[in-house]
C-alpha atoms as a PDB file:
ATOM      1  CA  UNK A   1     115.053  44.385 100.953  1.00  0.00           C
ATOM      2  CA  UNK A   2     113.181  46.757  98.674  1.00  0.00           C
ATOM      3  CA  UNK A   3     109.425  47.183  99.071  1.00  0.00           C
ATOM      4  CA  UNK A   4     106.748  49.475  97.700  1.00  0.00           C
ATOM      5  CA  UNK A   5     107.453  52.093  96.259  1.00  0.00           C
ATOM      6  CA  UNK A   6     110.512  50.090  95.104  1.00  0.00           C
ATOM      7  CA  UNK A   7     113.006  52.951  95.183  1.00  0.00           C
ATOM      8  CA  UNK A   8     116.394  51.640  94.130  1.00  0.00           C
ATOM      9  CA  UNK A   9     118.117  54.962  93.488  1.00  0.00           C
ATOM     10  CA  UNK A  10     118.001  58.287  95.346  1.00  0.00           C
ATOM     11  CA  UNK A  11     120.104  61.406  94.953  1.00  0.00           C
ATOM     12  CA  UNK A  12     119.357  64.676  96.688  1.00  0.00           C
ATOM     13  CA  UNK A  13     120.763  68.125  97.322  1.00  0.00           C
ATOM     14  CA  UNK A  14     119.742  70.252 100.314  1.00  0.00           C
ATOM     15  CA  UNK A  15     118.005  73.604  99.881  1.00  0.00           C
ATOM     16  CA  UNK A  16     119.847  75.803 102.386  1.00  0.00           C
ATOM     17  CA  UNK A  17     118.811  79.381 103.194  1.00  0.00           C
ATOM     18  CA  UNK A  18     121.232  82.242 103.761  1.00  0.00           C
ATOM     19  CA  UNK A  19     121.230  81.503 107.496  1.00  0.00           C
ATOM     20  CA  UNK A  20     122.407  77.922 106.975  1.00  0.00           C
ATOM     21  CA  UNK A  21     119.028  76.282 107.626  1.00  0.00           C
ATOM     22  CA  UNK A  22     118.190  73.300 105.418  1.00  0.00           C
ATOM     23  CA  UNK A  23     114.558  73.829 104.374  1.00  0.00           C
ATOM     24  CA  UNK A  24     114.143  70.827 102.100  1.00  0.00           C
ATOM     25  CA  UNK A  25     115.817  69.118  99.215  1.00  0.00           C
ATOM     26  CA  UNK A  26     115.729  68.664  95.477  1.00  0.00           C
ATOM     27  CA  UNK A  27     115.912  64.976  94.736  1.00  0.00           C
ATOM     28  CA  UNK A  28     115.593  62.360  92.040  1.00  0.00           C
ATOM     29  CA  UNK A  29     114.471  58.784  92.551  1.00  0.00           C
ATOM     30  CA  UNK A  30     114.243  55.761  90.310  1.00  0.00           C
ATOM     31  CA  UNK A  31     113.052  52.187  90.557  1.00  0.00           C
ATOM     32  CA  UNK A  32     116.266  51.034  88.880  1.00  0.00           C
ATOM     33  CA  UNK A  33     119.670  51.058  90.582  1.00  0.00           C
ATOM     34  CA  UNK A  34     121.969  53.679  89.048  1.00  0.00           C
ATOM     35  CA  UNK A  35     125.131  55.624  89.631  1.00  0.00           C
ATOM     36  CA  UNK A  36     125.423  59.382  89.348  1.00  0.00           C
ATOM     37  CA  UNK A  37     128.217  61.429  87.812  1.00  0.00           C
ATOM     38  CA  UNK A  38     129.927  64.346  89.513  1.00  0.00           C
ATOM     39  CA  UNK A  39     128.434  66.630  86.854  1.00  0.00           C
ATOM     40  CA  UNK A  40     124.925  65.399  87.671  1.00  0.00           C
ATOM     41  CA  UNK A  41     125.554  65.965  91.396  1.00  0.00           C
ATOM     42  CA  UNK A  42     126.668  69.522  90.611  1.00  0.00           C
ATOM     43  CA  UNK A  43     123.573  70.009  88.446  1.00  0.00           C
ATOM     44  CA  UNK A  44     121.338  68.796  91.261  1.00  0.00           C
ATOM     45  CA  UNK A  45     123.091  71.177  93.665  1.00  0.00           C
ATOM     46  CA  UNK A  46     122.597  74.041  91.213  1.00  0.00           C
ATOM     47  CA  UNK A  47     118.879  73.235  90.978  1.00  0.00           C
ATOM     48  CA  UNK A  48     118.638  73.279  94.787  1.00  0.00           C
ATOM     49  CA  UNK A  49     120.401  76.658  94.966  1.00  0.00           C
ATOM     50  CA  UNK A  50     118.135  78.089  92.253  1.00  0.00           C
ATOM     51  CA  UNK A  51     115.011  76.796  93.982  1.00  0.00           C
ATOM     52  CA  UNK A  52     116.182  78.350  97.264  1.00  0.00           C
ATOM     53  CA  UNK A  53     116.929  81.649  95.535  1.00  0.00           C
ATOM     54  CA  UNK A  54     113.435  81.634  94.018  1.00  0.00           C
ATOM     55  CA  UNK A  55     111.874  81.029  97.446  1.00  0.00           C
ATOM     56  CA  UNK A  56     113.923  83.847  99.009  1.00  0.00           C
ATOM     57  CA  UNK A  57     113.051  86.285  96.189  1.00  0.00           C
ATOM     58  CA  UNK A  58     109.371  85.419  96.500  1.00  0.00           C
ATOM     59  CA  UNK A  59     109.509  85.935 100.269  1.00  0.00           C
ATOM     60  CA  UNK A  60     111.230  89.313  99.821  1.00  0.00           C
ATOM     61  CA  UNK A  61     108.652  90.297  97.197  1.00  0.00           C
ATOM     62  CA  UNK A  62     105.806  89.459  99.584  1.00  0.00           C
ATOM     63  CA  UNK A  63     107.441  91.510 102.345  1.00  0.00           C
ATOM     64  CA  UNK A  64     107.861  94.465  99.964  1.00  0.00           C
ATOM     65  CA  UNK A  65     104.237  94.187  98.884  1.00  0.00           C
ATOM     66  CA  UNK A  66     103.096  94.178 102.514  1.00  0.00           C
ATOM     67  CA  UNK A  67     105.277  97.206 103.265  1.00  0.00           C
ATOM     68  CA  UNK A  68     103.887  99.069 100.252  1.00  0.00           C
ATOM     69  CA  UNK A  69     100.344  98.359 101.430  1.00  0.00           C
ATOM     70  CA  UNK A  70     101.211  99.683 104.886  1.00  0.00           C
ATOM     71  CA  UNK A  71     102.755 102.830 103.380  1.00  0.00           C
ATOM     72  CA  UNK A  72      99.686 103.439 101.236  1.00  0.00           C
ATOM     73  CA  UNK A  73      97.461 103.049 104.277  1.00  0.00           C
ATOM     74  CA  UNK A  74      99.643 105.368 106.367  1.00  0.00           C
ATOM     75  CA  UNK A  75      99.753 108.012 103.639  1.00  0.00           C
ATOM     76  CA  UNK A  76      95.962 107.990 103.415  1.00  0.00           C
ATOM     77  CA  UNK A  77      95.854 108.912 107.091  1.00  0.00           C
ATOM     78  CA  UNK A  78      98.124 111.955 106.678  1.00  0.00           C
ATOM     79  CA  UNK A  79      96.438 115.270 105.848  1.00  0.00           C
ATOM     80  CA  UNK A  80      98.276 116.386 102.701  1.00  0.00           C
ATOM     81  CA  UNK A  81      97.705 119.739 101.027  1.00  0.00           C
ATOM     82  CA  UNK A  82      96.382 119.180  97.508  1.00  0.00           C
ATOM     83  CA  UNK A  83      98.228 122.291  96.221  1.00  0.00           C
ATOM     84  CA  UNK A  84     101.737 122.069  97.661  1.00  0.00           C
ATOM     85  CA  UNK A  85     101.709 118.359  98.651  1.00  0.00           C
ATOM     86  CA  UNK A  86     103.073 119.184 102.112  1.00  0.00           C
ATOM     87  CA  UNK A  87     101.741 117.530 105.249  1.00  0.00           C
ATOM     88  CA  UNK A  88      99.297 119.868 106.943  1.00  0.00           C
ATOM     89  CA  UNK A  89      99.886 120.495 110.635  1.00  0.00           C
ATOM     90  CA  UNK A  90      97.486 121.800 113.271  1.00  0.00           C
ATOM     91  CA  UNK A  91      98.223 125.349 112.128  1.00  0.00           C
ATOM     92  CA  UNK A  92      97.479 124.519 108.462  1.00  0.00           C
END
């Protein structure tokens, strides 16, 4: 029996991270019954891999941005000589 939302077709591909964890899926649905070709299944899998790669790149970019902010903050705390650019110690 099919009821609201009247889904008659579903195809999905898991989005798996590099550690093997499935974080979600890329899927297509339709209200009409259909079949799906092997090429379409491969295309759906490729979309899932690309989406996962985008998520991982964005996560890495955020981590790099956070690290850069921490480095900038740490460097502002170091006494650096304006002439030779060396870190000044207690003996100058």
